[in-house]
Amino acid sequence: MRMKALLLSDAFLLLATLACMGLVICDILTYKAGAMSNFTDPRVSILKVRFATNYVFDVGLYFPKFSILAFYYMIIPISAPETRTALHVLTVFVVLSTIITFFGDTFWCGPNPAVNWRLQEVFVLPLPIIRNLKIPRKRERAGLLVLFLLGAITIAVSAARFIAMLMVANNIAICNTATL
């Protein structure tokens, strides 16, 4: 059996998985301290866990985006300059968003920092190139389209679940864990 090398997109996903486990650990520590729904708990230990939670959440949020972008760099041909330009612009946007978010986590002085939630551009980018792929069978092309549509459905269901959890439970820690 021939072993394949770990791709950059795979490495980003592994790091995101580790961040997800870190977020669960932070939530468990917060829960065990009895501060899961009390956001005004003044204990230093809880404040440190909440501060760390911001970073592992953001790694879990942005590294899957980096994974998708790395994968797109592999599948979008250089011979498609318009799509490649869009990919470069999108990459710059995601990298800048990541840097701004990490600076916001580090230097924010307010109680409720906003997080960049937008994923639509990352998932919509490859849809125009599916039409131009040289896939011999319509069935294979349809399968690829269904695969991307399943991803879109997953995003929609996750967003709806997140909104429902905010309305029903109003427990942001549960929502953060459920989002990842």
Protein backbone atom coordinates (compact mmCIF):
# COMPACT_ATOMS: atom_id res chain seq x y z
CA MET A 1 0.00 0.00 0.00
CA ARG A 2 1.41 3.37 -1.03
CA MET A 3 1.22 6.18 1.54
CA LYS A 4 0.23 9.63 0.35
CA ALA A 5 1.79 12.77 1.76
CA LEU A 6 -0.23 14.97 4.06
CA LEU A 7 -1.56 17.90 2.06
CA LEU A 8 -1.62 21.47 3.33
CA SER A 9 -5.42 21.35 3.35
CA ASP A 10 -5.27 18.22 5.54
CA ALA A 11 -2.86 19.89 7.96
CA PHE A 12 -5.21 22.84 8.38
CA LEU A 13 -8.09 20.45 9.10
CA LEU A 14 -6.02 18.60 11.70
CA LEU A 15 -5.22 21.89 13.45
CA ALA A 16 -8.91 22.85 13.35
CA THR A 17 -9.79 19.49 14.91
CA LEU A 18 -7.30 20.11 17.70
CA ALA A 19 -8.84 23.54 18.22
CA CYS A 20 -12.27 21.93 18.45
CA MET A 21 -10.98 19.60 21.16
CA GLY A 22 -9.45 22.62 22.92
CA LEU A 23 -12.80 24.40 22.81
CA VAL A 24 -14.52 21.40 24.36
CA ILE A 25 -11.87 21.34 27.10
CA CYS A 26 -12.42 25.06 27.78
CA ASP A 27 -16.19 24.50 27.94
CA ILE A 28 -15.71 21.58 30.34
CA LEU A 29 -13.48 23.71 32.60
CA THR A 30 -16.05 26.51 32.56
CA TYR A 31 -18.89 24.08 33.28
CA LYS A 32 -17.02 22.41 36.17
CA ALA A 33 -16.38 25.85 37.67
CA GLY A 34 -20.14 26.53 37.55
CA ALA A 35 -19.71 29.53 35.25
CA MET A 36 -21.22 28.24 32.01
CA SER A 37 -24.21 30.61 32.03
CA ASN A 38 -22.79 33.25 34.38
CA PHE A 39 -20.83 35.61 32.13
CA THR A 40 -20.12 38.05 34.96
CA ASP A 41 -18.13 35.58 37.10
CA PRO A 42 -15.17 37.63 38.37
CA ARG A 43 -12.82 34.72 39.19
CA VAL A 44 -9.46 35.08 37.49
CA SER A 45 -9.34 31.38 36.60
CA ILE A 46 -12.64 31.66 34.68
CA LEU A 47 -11.52 34.84 32.95
CA LYS A 48 -8.34 33.09 31.80
CA VAL A 49 -10.33 30.14 30.43
CA ARG A 50 -12.71 32.50 28.61
CA PHE A 51 -9.75 34.40 27.15
CA ALA A 52 -8.21 31.13 25.90
CA THR A 53 -11.60 30.06 24.53
CA ASN A 54 -11.56 33.03 22.14
CA TYR A 55 -8.34 31.83 20.53
CA VAL A 56 -9.22 28.16 20.17
CA PHE A 57 -12.65 29.11 18.82
CA ASP A 58 -11.09 31.39 16.21
CA VAL A 59 -8.55 28.75 15.15
CA GLY A 60 -11.46 26.33 14.79
CA LEU A 61 -13.33 28.92 12.75
CA TYR A 62 -10.58 30.06 10.37
CA PHE A 63 -8.44 26.96 9.81
CA PRO A 64 -11.20 25.07 7.98
CA LYS A 65 -11.43 28.11 5.70
CA PHE A 66 -7.67 27.88 5.09
CA SER A 67 -8.09 24.18 4.35
CA ILE A 68 -10.77 24.88 1.78
CA LEU A 69 -8.68 27.62 0.19
CA ALA A 70 -5.61 25.34 0.02
CA PHE A 71 -7.76 22.71 -1.67
CA TYR A 72 -9.06 25.29 -4.15
CA TYR A 73 -5.49 26.25 -5.06
CA MET A 74 -4.97 22.61 -6.04
CA ILE A 75 -8.14 22.25 -8.15
CA ILE A 76 -8.52 25.68 -9.77
CA PRO A 77 -6.27 25.71 -12.82
CA ILE A 78 -3.88 28.54 -13.58
CA SER A 79 -5.52 28.62 -17.01
CA ALA A 80 -8.65 30.12 -15.36
CA PRO A 81 -7.27 33.59 -14.54
CA GLU A 82 -10.58 35.15 -13.47
CA THR A 83 -11.28 32.37 -10.99
CA ARG A 84 -7.67 32.40 -9.77
CA THR A 85 -7.89 36.16 -9.21
CA ALA A 86 -11.10 35.67 -7.23
CA LEU A 87 -9.32 32.99 -5.21
CA HIS A 88 -6.40 35.33 -4.48
CA VAL A 89 -8.78 38.10 -3.40
CA LEU A 90 -10.71 35.68 -1.21
CA THR A 91 -7.48 34.39 0.35
CA VAL A 92 -6.34 37.93 1.17
CA PHE A 93 -9.77 38.65 2.69
CA VAL A 94 -9.69 35.51 4.87
CA VAL A 95 -6.09 36.11 5.99
CA LEU A 96 -6.84 39.75 6.87
CA SER A 97 -10.02 38.70 8.69
CA THR A 98 -8.02 36.17 10.68
CA ILE A 99 -5.36 38.71 11.63
CA ILE A 100 -7.97 41.29 12.62
CA THR A 101 -9.87 38.71 14.67
CA PHE A 102 -6.74 37.63 16.55
CA PHE A 103 -5.79 41.26 17.18
CA GLY A 104 -9.36 41.86 18.36
CA ASP A 105 -9.13 38.90 20.74
CA THR A 106 -5.83 40.15 22.10
CA PHE A 107 -6.53 43.87 22.43
CA TRP A 108 -10.33 44.08 22.78
CA CYS A 109 -11.49 45.99 25.85
CA GLY A 110 -15.25 45.51 25.50
CA PRO A 111 -17.43 42.66 26.77
CA ASN A 112 -18.79 41.39 23.45
CA PRO A 113 -16.35 41.27 20.51
CA ALA A 114 -17.89 40.56 17.13
CA VAL A 115 -16.64 37.57 15.16
CA ASN A 116 -16.44 37.24 11.38
CA TRP A 117 -18.99 34.52 10.56
CA ARG A 118 -19.10 34.76 6.78
CA LEU A 119 -18.51 31.49 4.97
CA GLN A 120 -20.60 31.97 1.84
CA GLU A 121 -17.80 33.23 -0.38
CA VAL A 122 -15.52 30.31 0.47
CA PHE A 123 -18.14 27.73 -0.50
CA VAL A 124 -19.62 29.52 -3.52
CA LEU A 125 -16.27 30.15 -5.27
CA PRO A 126 -15.91 26.70 -6.95
CA LEU A 127 -19.48 26.49 -8.26
CA PRO A 128 -18.77 28.31 -11.58
CA ILE A 129 -15.81 26.04 -12.37
CA ILE A 130 -17.88 22.88 -11.95
CA ARG A 131 -19.65 23.82 -15.17
CA ASN A 132 -16.31 24.00 -17.03
CA LEU A 133 -14.75 20.83 -15.65
CA LYS A 134 -13.93 18.17 -18.20
CA ILE A 135 -15.86 15.37 -16.53
CA PRO A 136 -16.87 12.81 -19.17
CA ARG A 137 -20.11 11.62 -17.59
CA LYS A 138 -23.07 13.74 -16.61
CA ARG A 139 -23.62 11.44 -13.65
CA GLU A 140 -20.17 12.28 -12.22
CA ARG A 141 -20.77 15.99 -12.76
CA ALA A 142 -24.16 15.72 -11.04
CA GLY A 143 -22.53 13.86 -8.15
CA LEU A 144 -20.00 16.64 -7.70
CA LEU A 145 -22.75 19.25 -7.73
CA VAL A 146 -24.74 17.23 -5.18
CA LEU A 147 -21.64 17.07 -2.98
CA PHE A 148 -21.33 20.86 -2.97
CA LEU A 149 -25.07 21.26 -2.40
CA LEU A 150 -24.86 18.92 0.60
CA GLY A 151 -22.21 21.23 2.01
CA ALA A 152 -24.52 24.22 1.48
CA ILE A 153 -27.37 22.38 3.21
CA THR A 154 -25.08 21.57 6.13
CA ILE A 155 -24.17 25.24 6.45
CA ALA A 156 -27.82 26.30 6.35
CA VAL A 157 -28.85 23.74 8.98
CA SER A 158 -25.93 24.70 11.23
CA ALA A 159 -26.80 28.39 10.96
CA ALA A 160 -30.47 27.67 11.73
CA ARG A 161 -29.47 25.53 14.71
CA PHE A 162 -27.17 28.24 16.01
CA ILE A 163 -29.94 30.86 15.77
CA ALA A 164 -32.45 28.52 17.42
CA MET A 165 -30.05 27.80 20.28
CA LEU A 166 -29.51 31.51 20.85
CA MET A 167 -33.26 32.12 20.95
CA VAL A 168 -34.17 29.12 23.11
CA ALA A 169 -31.26 28.57 25.47
CA ASN A 170 -29.36 31.85 25.11
CA ASN A 171 -26.27 29.91 26.13
CA ILE A 172 -23.38 31.07 23.96
CA ALA A 173 -20.97 28.39 25.24
CA ILE A 174 -23.25 25.61 24.00
CA CYS A 175 -23.71 27.48 20.73
CA ASN A 176 -19.95 27.83 20.23
CA THR A 177 -19.36 24.13 20.77
CA ALA A 178 -22.30 23.20 18.53
CA THR A 179 -21.06 25.49 15.77
CA LEU A 180 -17.74 23.69 15.45
